[in-house]
C-alpha atoms as a PDB file:
ATOM      1  CA  UNK A   1       2.995  12.318 -32.108  1.00  0.00           C
ATOM      2  CA  UNK A   2       6.204  13.936 -31.084  1.00  0.00           C
ATOM      3  CA  UNK A   3       8.322  13.937 -34.786  1.00  0.00           C
ATOM      4  CA  UNK A   4      11.780  13.668 -33.162  1.00  0.00           C
ATOM      5  CA  UNK A   5      11.299   9.999 -33.977  1.00  0.00           C
ATOM      6  CA  UNK A   6      11.345  10.204 -37.908  1.00  0.00           C
ATOM      7  CA  UNK A   7      14.006  12.960 -37.510  1.00  0.00           C
ATOM      8  CA  UNK A   8      17.683  12.554 -38.518  1.00  0.00           C
ATOM      9  CA  UNK A   9      20.572  13.044 -36.022  1.00  0.00           C
ATOM     10  CA  UNK A  10      21.792  16.317 -37.722  1.00  0.00           C
ATOM     11  CA  UNK A  11      18.461  17.839 -37.737  1.00  0.00           C
ATOM     12  CA  UNK A  12      17.920  17.457 -34.077  1.00  0.00           C
ATOM     13  CA  UNK A  13      20.727  18.485 -33.123  1.00  0.00           C
ATOM     14  CA  UNK A  14      21.462  21.226 -35.553  1.00  0.00           C
ATOM     15  CA  UNK A  15      18.312  22.106 -37.347  1.00  0.00           C
ATOM     16  CA  UNK A  16      19.752  20.442 -40.726  1.00  0.00           C
ATOM     17  CA  UNK A  17      17.798  18.842 -43.422  1.00  0.00           C
ATOM     18  CA  UNK A  18      18.423  17.674 -46.179  1.00  0.00           C
ATOM     19  CA  UNK A  19      17.526  14.535 -48.755  1.00  0.00           C
ATOM     20  CA  UNK A  20      20.326  12.584 -46.647  1.00  0.00           C
ATOM     21  CA  UNK A  21      17.909  13.064 -43.356  1.00  0.00           C
ATOM     22  CA  UNK A  22      15.166  12.402 -45.606  1.00  0.00           C
ATOM     23  CA  UNK A  23      16.623   8.931 -46.490  1.00  0.00           C
ATOM     24  CA  UNK A  24      16.728   8.973 -42.691  1.00  0.00           C
ATOM     25  CA  UNK A  25      13.157   9.627 -42.330  1.00  0.00           C
ATOM     26  CA  UNK A  26      12.371   6.682 -45.124  1.00  0.00           C
ATOM     27  CA  UNK A  27      14.406   4.132 -42.690  1.00  0.00           C
ATOM     28  CA  UNK A  28      12.098   5.362 -40.080  1.00  0.00           C
ATOM     29  CA  UNK A  29       8.838   4.617 -42.266  1.00  0.00           C
ATOM     30  CA  UNK A  30      10.044   1.090 -43.716  1.00  0.00           C
ATOM     31  CA  UNK A  31      10.514   0.681 -39.847  1.00  0.00           C
ATOM     32  CA  UNK A  32       6.732   1.050 -39.287  1.00  0.00           C
ATOM     33  CA  UNK A  33       5.740  -0.299 -42.247  1.00  0.00           C
ATOM     34  CA  UNK A  34       7.404  -3.406 -41.306  1.00  0.00           C
ATOM     35  CA  UNK A  35       5.590  -2.926 -37.496  1.00  0.00           C
ATOM     36  CA  UNK A  36       2.128  -2.522 -39.460  1.00  0.00           C
ATOM     37  CA  UNK A  37       2.557   0.667 -37.993  1.00  0.00           C
ATOM     38  CA  UNK A  38       3.739   0.648 -34.922  1.00  0.00           C
ATOM     39  CA  UNK A  39       5.364   3.944 -32.832  1.00  0.00           C
ATOM     40  CA  UNK A  40       9.666   3.851 -33.522  1.00  0.00           C
ATOM     41  CA  UNK A  41      11.508   3.647 -30.971  1.00  0.00           C
ATOM     42  CA  UNK A  42       8.956   1.857 -28.970  1.00  0.00           C
ATOM     43  CA  UNK A  43       8.598   2.367 -25.296  1.00  0.00           C
ATOM     44  CA  UNK A  44      11.172   5.128 -25.282  1.00  0.00           C
ATOM     45  CA  UNK A  45      10.027   8.855 -24.018  1.00  0.00           C
ATOM     46  CA  UNK A  46      10.799  11.515 -26.272  1.00  0.00           C
ATOM     47  CA  UNK A  47      14.058  12.169 -24.911  1.00  0.00           C
ATOM     48  CA  UNK A  48      15.187   8.389 -24.921  1.00  0.00           C
ATOM     49  CA  UNK A  49      14.634   8.383 -28.299  1.00  0.00           C
ATOM     50  CA  UNK A  50      16.458  11.493 -29.299  1.00  0.00           C
ATOM     51  CA  UNK A  51      19.435  10.375 -27.338  1.00  0.00           C
ATOM     52  CA  UNK A  52      19.136   6.865 -29.103  1.00  0.00           C
ATOM     53  CA  UNK A  53      19.045   8.650 -32.825  1.00  0.00           C
ATOM     54  CA  UNK A  54      21.980  11.325 -31.869  1.00  0.00           C
ATOM     55  CA  UNK A  55      24.702   8.696 -30.744  1.00  0.00           C
ATOM     56  CA  UNK A  56      23.688   6.344 -33.663  1.00  0.00           C
ATOM     57  CA  UNK A  57      21.998   3.816 -32.205  1.00  0.00           C
ATOM     58  CA  UNK A  58      19.173   2.351 -33.667  1.00  0.00           C
ATOM     59  CA  UNK A  59      16.150   0.315 -33.146  1.00  0.00           C
ATOM     60  CA  UNK A  60      16.197  -3.265 -33.663  1.00  0.00           C
ATOM     61  CA  UNK A  61      14.977  -5.569 -36.289  1.00  0.00           C
ATOM     62  CA  UNK A  62      11.024  -6.383 -35.500  1.00  0.00           C
ATOM     63  CA  UNK A  63      10.520 -10.091 -35.070  1.00  0.00           C
ATOM     64  CA  UNK A  64       8.306  -9.548 -38.204  1.00  0.00           C
ATOM     65  CA  UNK A  65      10.965  -8.591 -40.377  1.00  0.00           C
ATOM     66  CA  UNK A  66      13.834 -10.269 -42.294  1.00  0.00           C
ATOM     67  CA  UNK A  67      17.314  -9.332 -42.629  1.00  0.00           C
ATOM     68  CA  UNK A  68      17.253  -8.060 -46.218  1.00  0.00           C
ATOM     69  CA  UNK A  69      14.491  -5.492 -45.485  1.00  0.00           C
ATOM     70  CA  UNK A  70      16.332  -4.175 -42.370  1.00  0.00           C
ATOM     71  CA  UNK A  71      19.526  -3.856 -44.098  1.00  0.00           C
ATOM     72  CA  UNK A  72      18.137  -1.086 -46.702  1.00  0.00           C
ATOM     73  CA  UNK A  73      16.803   0.329 -42.506  1.00  0.00           C
ATOM     74  CA  UNK A  74      20.684   0.223 -41.592  1.00  0.00           C
ATOM     75  CA  UNK A  75      21.650   1.655 -44.606  1.00  0.00           C
ATOM     76  CA  UNK A  76      19.268   4.670 -44.414  1.00  0.00           C
ATOM     77  CA  UNK A  77      20.552   4.631 -40.822  1.00  0.00           C
ATOM     78  CA  UNK A  78      24.405   5.351 -40.943  1.00  0.00           C
ATOM     79  CA  UNK A  79      24.888   8.380 -38.241  1.00  0.00           C
ATOM     80  CA  UNK A  80      26.869  10.488 -40.979  1.00  0.00           C
ATOM     81  CA  UNK A  81      24.877  11.475 -43.793  1.00  0.00           C
ATOM     82  CA  UNK A  82      27.211  11.245 -46.372  1.00  0.00           C
ATOM     83  CA  UNK A  83      27.519   7.467 -45.757  1.00  0.00           C
ATOM     84  CA  UNK A  84      23.649   6.531 -45.979  1.00  0.00           C
ATOM     85  CA  UNK A  85      22.388   5.022 -48.753  1.00  0.00           C
ATOM     86  CA  UNK A  86      20.788   6.961 -51.377  1.00  0.00           C
ATOM     87  CA  UNK A  87      16.816   6.737 -52.429  1.00  0.00           C
ATOM     88  CA  UNK A  88      17.966   5.309 -56.260  1.00  0.00           C
ATOM     89  CA  UNK A  89      20.563   2.430 -53.852  1.00  0.00           C
ATOM     90  CA  UNK A  90      17.116   1.990 -51.462  1.00  0.00           C
ATOM     91  CA  UNK A  91      15.074   1.683 -54.619  1.00  0.00           C
ATOM     92  CA  UNK A  92      17.100  -0.931 -56.328  1.00  0.00           C
ATOM     93  CA  UNK A  93      17.568  -2.661 -53.207  1.00  0.00           C
ATOM     94  CA  UNK A  94      13.296  -3.179 -52.732  1.00  0.00           C
ATOM     95  CA  UNK A  95      13.531  -3.899 -56.562  1.00  0.00           C
ATOM     96  CA  UNK A  96      15.423  -6.930 -55.512  1.00  0.00           C
ATOM     97  CA  UNK A  97      13.660  -8.076 -53.125  1.00  0.00           C
ATOM     98  CA  UNK A  98      10.452  -7.778 -54.959  1.00  0.00           C
ATOM     99  CA  UNK A  99      11.946  -9.536 -58.060  1.00  0.00           C
ATOM    100  CA  UNK A 100      13.011 -12.323 -56.221  1.00  0.00           C
ATOM    101  CA  UNK A 101       9.735 -12.912 -54.663  1.00  0.00           C
ATOM    102  CA  UNK A 102      11.856 -12.789 -51.215  1.00  0.00           C
ATOM    103  CA  UNK A 103      10.038 -12.961 -47.876  1.00  0.00           C
ATOM    104  CA  UNK A 104      10.608  -9.836 -45.919  1.00  0.00           C
ATOM    105  CA  UNK A 105       7.980  -9.808 -43.516  1.00  0.00           C
ATOM    106  CA  UNK A 106       6.698 -12.530 -41.075  1.00  0.00           C
ATOM    107  CA  UNK A 107       3.167 -11.166 -40.395  1.00  0.00           C
ATOM    108  CA  UNK A 108       2.227 -13.506 -37.642  1.00  0.00           C
ATOM    109  CA  UNK A 109       5.386 -12.292 -35.730  1.00  0.00           C
ATOM    110  CA  UNK A 110       4.334  -8.607 -34.942  1.00  0.00           C
ATOM    111  CA  UNK A 111       4.555  -8.169 -31.123  1.00  0.00           C
ATOM    112  CA  UNK A 112       1.432  -6.427 -29.693  1.00  0.00           C
ATOM    113  CA  UNK A 113       3.461  -4.518 -27.435  1.00  0.00           C
ATOM    114  CA  UNK A 114       4.266  -2.289 -30.512  1.00  0.00           C
ATOM    115  CA  UNK A 115       0.852  -0.918 -30.585  1.00  0.00           C
ATOM    116  CA  UNK A 116       0.485  -0.139 -26.841  1.00  0.00           C
ATOM    117  CA  UNK A 117      -0.312   3.728 -26.321  1.00  0.00           C
ATOM    118  CA  UNK A 118       2.812   5.903 -25.850  1.00  0.00           C
ATOM    119  CA  UNK A 119       1.663   8.707 -24.058  1.00  0.00           C
END
């Protein structure tokens, strides 16, 4: 599997890694969890996914994911690393969702095409 789908823009373009690039990848992990393990940037080639990442285009909100959880992902995917949330802010947001017993996934709405083989 190609790793560029989890990499931050600065990691792809300049090989730079930091806690902020890890936050980007955490946002992708949240997207994966909300789709029950679908491949990020579904239906996109490696080059297309890389182009989306480096130009600041985000994956859409999965049909199974409610806006509060998608908001955390968007905070992780800000193009400029200094504008991204940090892990403490992400954890606090997720804690609030759990404390409020907020539904954040609609399991019946996970599209079958997320699980297609993307060779």
